[in-house]
């Protein structure tokens, strides 16, 4: 994938500030899917790791150029700047933690 064509989502500008700082952000998977859509287009987070824990449901997951059809329970660690995308069903829920890379 060409990174120039992949949107960078900056947590300090896009996410609800009441649920985190510029360094760390938490959101439920369902609420994030409701905010960005259940068909999340490929995107990346420069300088941030993103951790997804899915405790219910199933998702179609894209990490870089690889695609997976997976179901809960599931943990995904996405390194900084790695393009990723999701297609989720309404029953998919869990947790998303986004952390600035220099804190890890």
PDB file of N, CA and C in Angstrom:
ATOM      1  N   UNK A   1       0.827  -1.184   0.000  1.00  0.00           N
ATOM      2  CA  UNK A   1       0.000   0.000   0.000  1.00  0.00           C
ATOM      3  C   UNK A   1       0.870   1.246   0.000  1.00  0.00           C
ATOM      4  N   UNK A   2       0.436   2.246  -0.661  1.00  0.00           N
ATOM      5  CA  UNK A   2       1.175   3.501  -0.697  1.00  0.00           C
ATOM      6  C   UNK A   2       0.696   4.381   0.452  1.00  0.00           C
ATOM      7  N   UNK A   3       1.589   4.694   1.398  1.00  0.00           N
ATOM      8  CA  UNK A   3       1.210   5.460   2.585  1.00  0.00           C
ATOM      9  C   UNK A   3       0.653   6.838   2.257  1.00  0.00           C
ATOM     10  N   UNK A   4       1.052   7.420   1.137  1.00  0.00           N
ATOM     11  CA  UNK A   4       0.553   8.754   0.794  1.00  0.00           C
ATOM     12  C   UNK A   4      -0.940   8.738   0.513  1.00  0.00           C
ATOM     13  N   UNK A   5      -1.479   7.580   0.116  1.00  0.00           N
ATOM     14  CA  UNK A   5      -2.899   7.470  -0.181  1.00  0.00           C
ATOM     15  C   UNK A   5      -3.709   7.009   1.023  1.00  0.00           C
ATOM     16  N   UNK A   6      -3.036   6.632   2.096  1.00  0.00           N
ATOM     17  CA  UNK A   6      -3.698   6.135   3.299  1.00  0.00           C
ATOM     18  C   UNK A   6      -3.846   7.285   4.291  1.00  0.00           C
ATOM     19  N   UNK A   7      -5.062   7.533   4.721  1.00  0.00           N
ATOM     20  CA  UNK A   7      -5.320   8.631   5.659  1.00  0.00           C
ATOM     21  C   UNK A   7      -4.617   8.388   6.991  1.00  0.00           C
ATOM     22  N   UNK A   8      -4.030   9.445   7.538  1.00  0.00           N
ATOM     23  CA  UNK A   8      -3.470   9.394   8.887  1.00  0.00           C
ATOM     24  C   UNK A   8      -4.510   9.976   9.831  1.00  0.00           C
ATOM     25  N   UNK A   9      -4.931   9.196  10.815  1.00  0.00           N
ATOM     26  CA  UNK A   9      -5.880   9.692  11.814  1.00  0.00           C
ATOM     27  C   UNK A   9      -5.086  10.082  13.043  1.00  0.00           C
ATOM     28  N   UNK A  10      -5.077  11.359  13.328  1.00  0.00           N
ATOM     29  CA  UNK A  10      -4.339  11.923  14.460  1.00  0.00           C
ATOM     30  C   UNK A  10      -5.275  11.965  15.667  1.00  0.00           C
ATOM     31  N   UNK A  11      -4.970  11.162  16.702  1.00  0.00           N
ATOM     32  CA  UNK A  11      -5.892  11.086  17.842  1.00  0.00           C
ATOM     33  C   UNK A  11      -6.076  12.421  18.541  1.00  0.00           C
ATOM     34  N   UNK A  12      -5.091  13.298  18.459  1.00  0.00           N
ATOM     35  CA  UNK A  12      -5.222  14.588  19.145  1.00  0.00           C
ATOM     36  C   UNK A  12      -6.230  15.497  18.446  1.00  0.00           C
ATOM     37  N   UNK A  13      -6.611  15.166  17.218  1.00  0.00           N
ATOM     38  CA  UNK A  13      -7.553  16.005  16.475  1.00  0.00           C
ATOM     39  C   UNK A  13      -8.881  15.317  16.184  1.00  0.00           C
ATOM     40  N   UNK A  14      -8.870  13.987  16.078  1.00  0.00           N
ATOM     41  CA  UNK A  14     -10.055  13.263  15.624  1.00  0.00           C
ATOM     42  C   UNK A  14     -10.894  12.663  16.742  1.00  0.00           C
ATOM     43  N   UNK A  15     -10.285  12.292  17.851  1.00  0.00           N
ATOM     44  CA  UNK A  15     -10.986  11.551  18.892  1.00  0.00           C
ATOM     45  C   UNK A  15     -11.563  12.493  19.944  1.00  0.00           C
ATOM     46  N   UNK A  16     -12.497  11.970  20.715  1.00  0.00           N
ATOM     47  CA  UNK A  16     -13.126  12.694  21.814  1.00  0.00           C
ATOM     48  C   UNK A  16     -12.093  12.953  22.909  1.00  0.00           C
ATOM     49  N   UNK A  17     -11.731  14.211  23.135  1.00  0.00           N
ATOM     50  CA  UNK A  17     -10.685  14.566  24.097  1.00  0.00           C
ATOM     51  C   UNK A  17     -11.023  14.163  25.526  1.00  0.00           C
ATOM     52  N   UNK A  18     -12.302  14.010  25.849  1.00  0.00           N
ATOM     53  CA  UNK A  18     -12.667  13.643  27.218  1.00  0.00           C
ATOM     54  C   UNK A  18     -12.282  12.203  27.539  1.00  0.00           C
ATOM     55  N   UNK A  19     -11.948  11.420  26.526  1.00  0.00           N
ATOM     56  CA  UNK A  19     -11.633  10.009  26.731  1.00  0.00           C
ATOM     57  C   UNK A  19     -10.146   9.710  26.612  1.00  0.00           C
ATOM     58  N   UNK A  20      -9.318  10.732  26.656  1.00  0.00           N
ATOM     59  CA  UNK A  20      -7.878  10.492  26.588  1.00  0.00           C
ATOM     60  C   UNK A  20      -7.114  11.774  26.370  1.00  0.00           C
ATOM     61  N   UNK A  21      -5.811  11.628  26.323  1.00  0.00           N
ATOM     62  CA  UNK A  21      -4.930  12.757  26.069  1.00  0.00           C
ATOM     63  C   UNK A  21      -4.337  12.591  24.681  1.00  0.00           C
ATOM     64  N   UNK A  22      -3.412  13.471  24.343  1.00  0.00           N
ATOM     65  CA  UNK A  22      -2.714  13.320  23.070  1.00  0.00           C
ATOM     66  C   UNK A  22      -1.792  12.107  23.081  1.00  0.00           C
ATOM     67  N   UNK A  23      -1.462  11.589  24.262  1.00  0.00           N
ATOM     68  CA  UNK A  23      -0.542  10.459  24.379  1.00  0.00           C
ATOM     69  C   UNK A  23      -1.243   9.113  24.468  1.00  0.00           C
ATOM     70  N   UNK A  24      -2.397   9.076  25.119  1.00  0.00           N
ATOM     71  CA  UNK A  24      -3.128   7.824  25.344  1.00  0.00           C
ATOM     72  C   UNK A  24      -4.617   8.086  25.128  1.00  0.00           C
ATOM     73  N   UNK A  25      -5.265   7.173  24.424  1.00  0.00           N
ATOM     74  CA  UNK A  25      -6.700   7.320  24.202  1.00  0.00           C
ATOM     75  C   UNK A  25      -7.372   5.956  24.308  1.00  0.00           C
ATOM     76  N   UNK A  26      -8.492   5.890  25.029  1.00  0.00           N
ATOM     77  CA  UNK A  26      -9.298   4.668  25.140  1.00  0.00           C
ATOM     78  C   UNK A  26     -10.687   4.938  24.568  1.00  0.00           C
ATOM     79  N   UNK A  27     -11.233   3.923  23.912  1.00  0.00           N
ATOM     80  CA  UNK A  27     -12.599   4.000  23.417  1.00  0.00           C
ATOM     81  C   UNK A  27     -13.134   2.571  23.302  1.00  0.00           C
ATOM     82  N   UNK A  28     -14.426   2.396  23.534  1.00  0.00           N
ATOM     83  CA  UNK A  28     -15.002   1.076  23.273  1.00  0.00           C
ATOM     84  C   UNK A  28     -15.014   0.863  21.761  1.00  0.00           C
ATOM     85  N   UNK A  29     -14.869  -0.388  21.360  1.00  0.00           N
ATOM     86  CA  UNK A  29     -14.847  -0.723  19.940  1.00  0.00           C
ATOM     87  C   UNK A  29     -16.159  -0.301  19.276  1.00  0.00           C
ATOM     88  N   UNK A  30     -17.291  -0.565  19.941  1.00  0.00           N
ATOM     89  CA  UNK A  30     -18.600  -0.231  19.373  1.00  0.00           C
ATOM     90  C   UNK A  30     -18.764   1.279  19.199  1.00  0.00           C
ATOM     91  N   UNK A  31     -18.317   2.048  20.179  1.00  0.00           N
ATOM     92  CA  UNK A  31     -18.464   3.506  20.075  1.00  0.00           C
ATOM     93  C   UNK A  31     -17.566   4.063  18.970  1.00  0.00           C
ATOM     94  N   UNK A  32     -16.358   3.518  18.851  1.00  0.00           N
ATOM     95  CA  UNK A  32     -15.468   3.966  17.787  1.00  0.00           C
ATOM     96  C   UNK A  32     -16.053   3.612  16.418  1.00  0.00           C
ATOM     97  N   UNK A  33     -16.639   2.404  16.308  1.00  0.00           N
ATOM     98  CA  UNK A  33     -17.269   2.002  15.048  1.00  0.00           C
ATOM     99  C   UNK A  33     -18.469   2.894  14.736  1.00  0.00           C
ATOM    100  N   UNK A  34     -19.214   3.289  15.758  1.00  0.00           N
ATOM    101  CA  UNK A  34     -20.350   4.183  15.546  1.00  0.00           C
ATOM    102  C   UNK A  34     -19.879   5.558  15.080  1.00  0.00           C
ATOM    103  N   UNK A  35     -18.748   6.025  15.600  1.00  0.00           N
ATOM    104  CA  UNK A  35     -18.221   7.343  15.247  1.00  0.00           C
ATOM    105  C   UNK A  35     -17.638   7.351  13.835  1.00  0.00           C
ATOM    106  N   UNK A  36     -16.781   6.356  13.520  1.00  0.00           N
ATOM    107  CA  UNK A  36     -16.093   6.326  12.230  1.00  0.00           C
ATOM    108  C   UNK A  36     -16.829   5.495  11.176  1.00  0.00           C
ATOM    109  N   UNK A  37     -17.783   4.671  11.604  1.00  0.00           N
ATOM    110  CA  UNK A  37     -18.496   3.795  10.685  1.00  0.00           C
ATOM    111  C   UNK A  37     -18.050   2.354  10.843  1.00  0.00           C
ATOM    112  N   UNK A  38     -18.936   1.430  10.562  1.00  0.00           N
ATOM    113  CA  UNK A  38     -18.615   0.003  10.693  1.00  0.00           C
ATOM    114  C   UNK A  38     -17.840  -0.521   9.492  1.00  0.00           C
ATOM    115  N   UNK A  39     -17.689   0.288   8.478  1.00  0.00           N
ATOM    116  CA  UNK A  39     -16.812  -0.047   7.354  1.00  0.00           C
ATOM    117  C   UNK A  39     -15.708   1.016   7.344  1.00  0.00           C
ATOM    118  N   UNK A  40     -14.735   0.797   8.210  1.00  0.00           N
ATOM    119  CA  UNK A  40     -13.637   1.757   8.392  1.00  0.00           C
ATOM    120  C   UNK A  40     -12.633   1.581   7.269  1.00  0.00           C
ATOM    121  N   UNK A  41     -12.454   2.597   6.465  1.00  0.00           N
ATOM    122  CA  UNK A  41     -11.515   2.542   5.349  1.00  0.00           C
ATOM    123  C   UNK A  41     -10.077   2.456   5.854  1.00  0.00           C
ATOM    124  N   UNK A  42      -9.154   1.998   5.006  1.00  0.00           N
ATOM    125  CA  UNK A  42      -7.747   1.929   5.428  1.00  0.00           C
ATOM    126  C   UNK A  42      -7.251   3.278   5.939  1.00  0.00           C
ATOM    127  N   UNK A  43      -6.565   3.207   7.065  1.00  0.00           N
ATOM    128  CA  UNK A  43      -6.015   4.400   7.692  1.00  0.00           C
ATOM    129  C   UNK A  43      -4.795   3.982   8.501  1.00  0.00           C
ATOM    130  N   UNK A  44      -4.108   4.956   9.048  1.00  0.00           N
ATOM    131  CA  UNK A  44      -2.921   4.681   9.862  1.00  0.00           C
ATOM    132  C   UNK A  44      -2.850   5.715  10.971  1.00  0.00           C
ATOM    133  N   UNK A  45      -1.956   5.474  11.906  1.00  0.00           N
ATOM    134  CA  UNK A  45      -1.740   6.411  13.004  1.00  0.00           C
ATOM    135  C   UNK A  45      -0.235   6.614  13.135  1.00  0.00           C
ATOM    136  N   UNK A  46       0.266   7.707  12.589  1.00  0.00           N
ATOM    137  CA  UNK A  46       1.695   7.991  12.706  1.00  0.00           C
ATOM    138  C   UNK A  46       2.035   8.218  14.172  1.00  0.00           C
ATOM    139  N   UNK A  47       3.081   7.583  14.632  1.00  0.00           N
ATOM    140  CA  UNK A  47       3.622   7.734  15.987  1.00  0.00           C
ATOM    141  C   UNK A  47       2.746   7.119  17.080  1.00  0.00           C
ATOM    142  N   UNK A  48       1.770   6.280  16.709  1.00  0.00           N
ATOM    143  CA  UNK A  48       0.907   5.648  17.709  1.00  0.00           C
ATOM    144  C   UNK A  48       0.778   4.147  17.461  1.00  0.00           C
ATOM    145  N   UNK A  49       0.881   3.366  18.536  1.00  0.00           N
ATOM    146  CA  UNK A  49       0.469   1.969  18.518  1.00  0.00           C
ATOM    147  C   UNK A  49      -1.031   1.960  18.762  1.00  0.00           C
ATOM    148  N   UNK A  50      -1.718   0.997  18.169  1.00  0.00           N
ATOM    149  CA  UNK A  50      -3.134   0.848  18.463  1.00  0.00           C
ATOM    150  C   UNK A  50      -3.400  -0.614  18.805  1.00  0.00           C
ATOM    151  N   UNK A  51      -4.079  -0.811  19.938  1.00  0.00           N
ATOM    152  CA  UNK A  51      -4.393  -2.147  20.421  1.00  0.00           C
ATOM    153  C   UNK A  51      -5.900  -2.327  20.422  1.00  0.00           C
ATOM    154  N   UNK A  52      -6.353  -3.370  19.754  1.00  0.00           N
ATOM    155  CA  UNK A  52      -7.774  -3.700  19.699  1.00  0.00           C
ATOM    156  C   UNK A  52      -7.982  -5.031  20.411  1.00  0.00           C
ATOM    157  N   UNK A  53      -8.917  -5.060  21.340  1.00  0.00           N
ATOM    158  CA  UNK A  53      -9.340  -6.321  21.948  1.00  0.00           C
ATOM    159  C   UNK A  53     -10.812  -6.488  21.620  1.00  0.00           C
ATOM    160  N   UNK A  54     -11.126  -7.504  20.861  1.00  0.00           N
ATOM    161  CA  UNK A  54     -12.502  -7.795  20.480  1.00  0.00           C
ATOM    162  C   UNK A  54     -13.012  -8.903  21.393  1.00  0.00           C
ATOM    163  N   UNK A  55     -14.068  -8.615  22.171  1.00  0.00           N
ATOM    164  CA  UNK A  55     -14.590  -9.651  23.071  1.00  0.00           C
ATOM    165  C   UNK A  55     -15.924 -10.226  22.619  1.00  0.00           C
ATOM    166  N   UNK A  56     -16.493  -9.695  21.536  1.00  0.00           N
ATOM    167  CA  UNK A  56     -17.694 -10.293  20.956  1.00  0.00           C
ATOM    168  C   UNK A  56     -17.772  -9.947  19.475  1.00  0.00           C
ATOM    169  N   UNK A  57     -18.404 -10.845  18.721  1.00  0.00           N
ATOM    170  CA  UNK A  57     -18.627 -10.599  17.303  1.00  0.00           C
ATOM    171  C   UNK A  57     -17.475 -11.033  16.411  1.00  0.00           C
ATOM    172  N   UNK A  58     -17.592 -10.626  15.156  1.00  0.00           N
ATOM    173  CA  UNK A  58     -16.546 -10.938  14.191  1.00  0.00           C
ATOM    174  C   UNK A  58     -16.279  -9.717  13.329  1.00  0.00           C
ATOM    175  N   UNK A  59     -15.095  -9.698  12.715  1.00  0.00           N
ATOM    176  CA  UNK A  59     -14.698  -8.575  11.871  1.00  0.00           C
ATOM    177  C   UNK A  59     -13.934  -9.089  10.657  1.00  0.00           C
ATOM    178  N   UNK A  60     -13.961  -8.285   9.625  1.00  0.00           N
ATOM    179  CA  UNK A  60     -13.055  -8.440   8.486  1.00  0.00           C
ATOM    180  C   UNK A  60     -11.956  -7.421   8.751  1.00  0.00           C
ATOM    181  N   UNK A  61     -10.741  -7.898   8.844  1.00  0.00           N
ATOM    182  CA  UNK A  61      -9.607  -7.068   9.243  1.00  0.00           C
ATOM    183  C   UNK A  61      -8.596  -6.998   8.116  1.00  0.00           C
ATOM    184  N   UNK A  62      -8.105  -5.808   7.861  1.00  0.00           N
ATOM    185  CA  UNK A  62      -7.007  -5.618   6.913  1.00  0.00           C
ATOM    186  C   UNK A  62      -5.844  -5.004   7.673  1.00  0.00           C
ATOM    187  N   UNK A  63      -4.688  -5.659   7.624  1.00  0.00           N
ATOM    188  CA  UNK A  63      -3.443  -5.133   8.188  1.00  0.00           C
ATOM    189  C   UNK A  63      -2.442  -5.051   7.056  1.00  0.00           C
ATOM    190  N   UNK A  64      -2.045  -3.846   6.698  1.00  0.00           N
ATOM    191  CA  UNK A  64      -1.164  -3.617   5.564  1.00  0.00           C
ATOM    192  C   UNK A  64      -1.818  -4.250   4.333  1.00  0.00           C
ATOM    193  N   UNK A  65      -1.173  -5.190   3.674  1.00  0.00           N
ATOM    194  CA  UNK A  65      -1.756  -5.809   2.481  1.00  0.00           C
ATOM    195  C   UNK A  65      -2.402  -7.166   2.757  1.00  0.00           C
ATOM    196  N   UNK A  66      -2.588  -7.521   4.013  1.00  0.00           N
ATOM    197  CA  UNK A  66      -3.148  -8.820   4.388  1.00  0.00           C
ATOM    198  C   UNK A  66      -4.578  -8.649   4.899  1.00  0.00           C
ATOM    199  N   UNK A  67      -5.441  -9.599   4.530  1.00  0.00           N
ATOM    200  CA  UNK A  67      -6.846  -9.564   4.951  1.00  0.00           C
ATOM    201  C   UNK A  67      -7.177 -10.821   5.749  1.00  0.00           C
ATOM    202  N   UNK A  68      -7.984 -10.623   6.806  1.00  0.00           N
ATOM    203  CA  UNK A  68      -8.347 -11.725   7.690  1.00  0.00           C
ATOM    204  C   UNK A  68      -9.828 -11.632   8.024  1.00  0.00           C
ATOM    205  N   UNK A  69     -10.472 -12.783   8.140  1.00  0.00           N
ATOM    206  CA  UNK A  69     -11.825 -12.871   8.670  1.00  0.00           C
ATOM    207  C   UNK A  69     -11.679 -13.534  10.033  1.00  0.00           C
ATOM    208  N   UNK A  70     -11.941 -12.779  11.103  1.00  0.00           N
ATOM    209  CA  UNK A  70     -11.643 -13.255  12.454  1.00  0.00           C
ATOM    210  C   UNK A  70     -12.826 -12.995  13.385  1.00  0.00           C
ATOM    211  N   UNK A  71     -12.843 -13.744  14.501  1.00  0.00           N
ATOM    212  CA  UNK A  71     -13.919 -13.559  15.478  1.00  0.00           C
ATOM    213  C   UNK A  71     -13.344 -13.526  16.888  1.00  0.00           C
ATOM    214  N   UNK A  72     -14.151 -13.002  17.794  1.00  0.00           N
ATOM    215  CA  UNK A  72     -13.747 -12.871  19.198  1.00  0.00           C
ATOM    216  C   UNK A  72     -13.586 -14.239  19.831  1.00  0.00           C
ATOM    217  N   UNK A  73     -12.742 -14.333  20.847  1.00  0.00           N
ATOM    218  CA  UNK A  73     -11.877 -13.285  21.393  1.00  0.00           C
ATOM    219  C   UNK A  73     -10.659 -13.072  20.497  1.00  0.00           C
ATOM    220  N   UNK A  74     -10.210 -11.819  20.436  1.00  0.00           N
ATOM    221  CA  UNK A  74      -9.145 -11.451  19.518  1.00  0.00           C
ATOM    222  C   UNK A  74      -8.398 -10.237  20.051  1.00  0.00           C
ATOM    223  N   UNK A  75      -7.074 -10.268  19.941  1.00  0.00           N
ATOM    224  CA  UNK A  75      -6.243  -9.112  20.276  1.00  0.00           C
ATOM    225  C   UNK A  75      -5.401  -8.783  19.054  1.00  0.00           C
ATOM    226  N   UNK A  76      -5.393  -7.515  18.650  1.00  0.00           N
ATOM    227  CA  UNK A  76      -4.608  -7.062  17.504  1.00  0.00           C
ATOM    228  C   UNK A  76      -3.754  -5.884  17.949  1.00  0.00           C
ATOM    229  N   UNK A  77      -2.456  -5.971  17.713  1.00  0.00           N
ATOM    230  CA  UNK A  77      -1.532  -4.862  17.970  1.00  0.00           C
ATOM    231  C   UNK A  77      -1.094  -4.316  16.623  1.00  0.00           C
ATOM    232  N   UNK A  78      -1.432  -3.064  16.356  1.00  0.00           N
ATOM    233  CA  UNK A  78      -1.054  -2.425  15.100  1.00  0.00           C
ATOM    234  C   UNK A  78       0.063  -1.427  15.378  1.00  0.00           C
ATOM    235  N   UNK A  79       1.258  -1.662  14.826  1.00  0.00           N
ATOM    236  CA  UNK A  79       2.374  -0.733  15.031  1.00  0.00           C
ATOM    237  C   UNK A  79       2.116   0.618  14.355  1.00  0.00           C
ATOM    238  N   UNK A  80       2.844   1.651  14.765  1.00  0.00           N
ATOM    239  CA  UNK A  80       2.686   2.971  14.160  1.00  0.00           C
ATOM    240  C   UNK A  80       2.825   2.929  12.637  1.00  0.00           C
ATOM    241  N   UNK A  81       1.977   3.682  11.976  1.00  0.00           N
ATOM    242  CA  UNK A  81       1.989   3.889  10.528  1.00  0.00           C
ATOM    243  C   UNK A  81       1.606   2.674   9.691  1.00  0.00           C
ATOM    244  N   UNK A  82       1.231   1.541  10.308  1.00  0.00           N
ATOM    245  CA  UNK A  82       0.793   0.376   9.531  1.00  0.00           C
ATOM    246  C   UNK A  82      -0.671   0.580   9.127  1.00  0.00           C
ATOM    247  N   UNK A  83      -0.962   0.565   7.833  1.00  0.00           N
ATOM    248  CA  UNK A  83      -2.345   0.737   7.395  1.00  0.00           C
ATOM    249  C   UNK A  83      -3.217  -0.420   7.886  1.00  0.00           C
ATOM    250  N   UNK A  84      -4.422  -0.073   8.323  1.00  0.00           N
ATOM    251  CA  UNK A  84      -5.365  -1.084   8.783  1.00  0.00           C
ATOM    252  C   UNK A  84      -6.787  -0.601   8.515  1.00  0.00           C
ATOM    253  N   UNK A  85      -7.701  -1.570   8.422  1.00  0.00           N
ATOM    254  CA  UNK A  85      -9.104  -1.269   8.143  1.00  0.00           C
ATOM    255  C   UNK A  85      -9.958  -2.372   8.753  1.00  0.00           C
ATOM    256  N   UNK A  86     -11.236  -2.054   8.980  1.00  0.00           N
ATOM    257  CA  UNK A  86     -12.158  -3.007   9.588  1.00  0.00           C
ATOM    258  C   UNK A  86     -13.512  -2.936   8.900  1.00  0.00           C
ATOM    259  N   UNK A  87     -14.153  -4.077   8.797  1.00  0.00           N
ATOM    260  CA  UNK A  87     -15.581  -4.150   8.498  1.00  0.00           C
ATOM    261  C   UNK A  87     -16.159  -4.967   9.638  1.00  0.00           C
ATOM    262  N   UNK A  88     -17.095  -4.379  10.379  1.00  0.00           N
ATOM    263  CA  UNK A  88     -17.612  -5.038  11.572  1.00  0.00           C
ATOM    264  C   UNK A  88     -19.124  -5.202  11.494  1.00  0.00           C
ATOM    265  N   UNK A  89     -19.599  -6.217  12.176  1.00  0.00           N
ATOM    266  CA  UNK A  89     -21.033  -6.417  12.349  1.00  0.00           C
ATOM    267  C   UNK A  89     -21.469  -5.647  13.596  1.00  0.00           C
ATOM    268  N   UNK A  90     -22.763  -5.437  13.753  1.00  0.00           N
ATOM    269  CA  UNK A  90     -23.262  -4.645  14.879  1.00  0.00           C
ATOM    270  C   UNK A  90     -23.009  -5.306  16.229  1.00  0.00           C
ATOM    271  N   UNK A  91     -22.779  -6.631  16.250  1.00  0.00           N
ATOM    272  CA  UNK A  91     -22.524  -7.308  17.524  1.00  0.00           C
ATOM    273  C   UNK A  91     -21.048  -7.290  17.920  1.00  0.00           C
ATOM    274  N   UNK A  92     -20.182  -6.738  17.081  1.00  0.00           N
ATOM    275  CA  UNK A  92     -18.749  -6.685  17.397  1.00  0.00           C
ATOM    276  C   UNK A  92     -18.500  -5.599  18.438  1.00  0.00           C
ATOM    277  N   UNK A  93     -17.857  -5.982  19.539  1.00  0.00           N
ATOM    278  CA  UNK A  93     -17.535  -5.004  20.575  1.00  0.00           C
ATOM    279  C   UNK A  93     -16.264  -5.428  21.292  1.00  0.00           C
ATOM    280  N   UNK A  94     -15.671  -4.472  21.945  1.00  0.00           N
ATOM    281  CA  UNK A  94     -14.430  -4.701  22.677  1.00  0.00           C
ATOM    282  C   UNK A  94     -13.835  -3.368  23.083  1.00  0.00           C
ATOM    283  N   UNK A  95     -12.521  -3.278  23.001  1.00  0.00           N
ATOM    284  CA  UNK A  95     -11.810  -2.101  23.498  1.00  0.00           C
ATOM    285  C   UNK A  95     -10.716  -1.699  22.521  1.00  0.00           C
ATOM    286  N   UNK A  96     -10.462  -0.386  22.439  1.00  0.00           N
ATOM    287  CA  UNK A  96      -9.395   0.133  21.584  1.00  0.00           C
ATOM    288  C   UNK A  96      -8.550   1.083  22.423  1.00  0.00           C
ATOM    289  N   UNK A  97      -7.266   0.802  22.490  1.00  0.00           N
ATOM    290  CA  UNK A  97      -6.326   1.652  23.214  1.00  0.00           C
ATOM    291  C   UNK A  97      -5.286   2.136  22.218  1.00  0.00           C
ATOM    292  N   UNK A  98      -5.104   3.446  22.144  1.00  0.00           N
ATOM    293  CA  UNK A  98      -4.137   4.060  21.242  1.00  0.00           C
ATOM    294  C   UNK A  98      -3.107   4.779  22.101  1.00  0.00           C
ATOM    295  N   UNK A  99      -1.818   4.446  21.889  1.00  0.00           N
ATOM    296  CA  UNK A  99      -0.749   4.950  22.757  1.00  0.00           C
ATOM    297  C   UNK A  99       0.401   5.481  21.907  1.00  0.00           C
ATOM    298  N   UNK A 100       0.879   6.675  22.253  1.00  0.00           N
ATOM    299  CA  UNK A 100       2.024   7.262  21.541  1.00  0.00           C
ATOM    300  C   UNK A 100       3.216   6.323  21.657  1.00  0.00           C
ATOM    301  N   UNK A 101       3.915   6.111  20.546  1.00  0.00           N
ATOM    302  CA  UNK A 101       4.972   5.098  20.492  1.00  0.00           C
ATOM    303  C   UNK A 101       6.112   5.337  21.468  1.00  0.00           C
ATOM    304  N   UNK A 102       6.422   6.569  21.810  1.00  0.00           N
ATOM    305  CA  UNK A 102       7.546   6.803  22.729  1.00  0.00           C
ATOM    306  C   UNK A 102       7.201   6.474  24.184  1.00  0.00           C
ATOM    307  N   UNK A 103       5.946   6.122  24.467  1.00  0.00           N
ATOM    308  CA  UNK A 103       5.564   5.679  25.810  1.00  0.00           C
ATOM    309  C   UNK A 103       5.710   4.173  25.987  1.00  0.00           C
ATOM    310  N   UNK A 104       5.887   3.468  24.885  1.00  0.00           N
ATOM    311  CA  UNK A 104       5.989   2.000  24.952  1.00  0.00           C
ATOM    312  C   UNK A 104       7.435   1.578  24.801  1.00  0.00           C
TER     313      UNK A 104
END
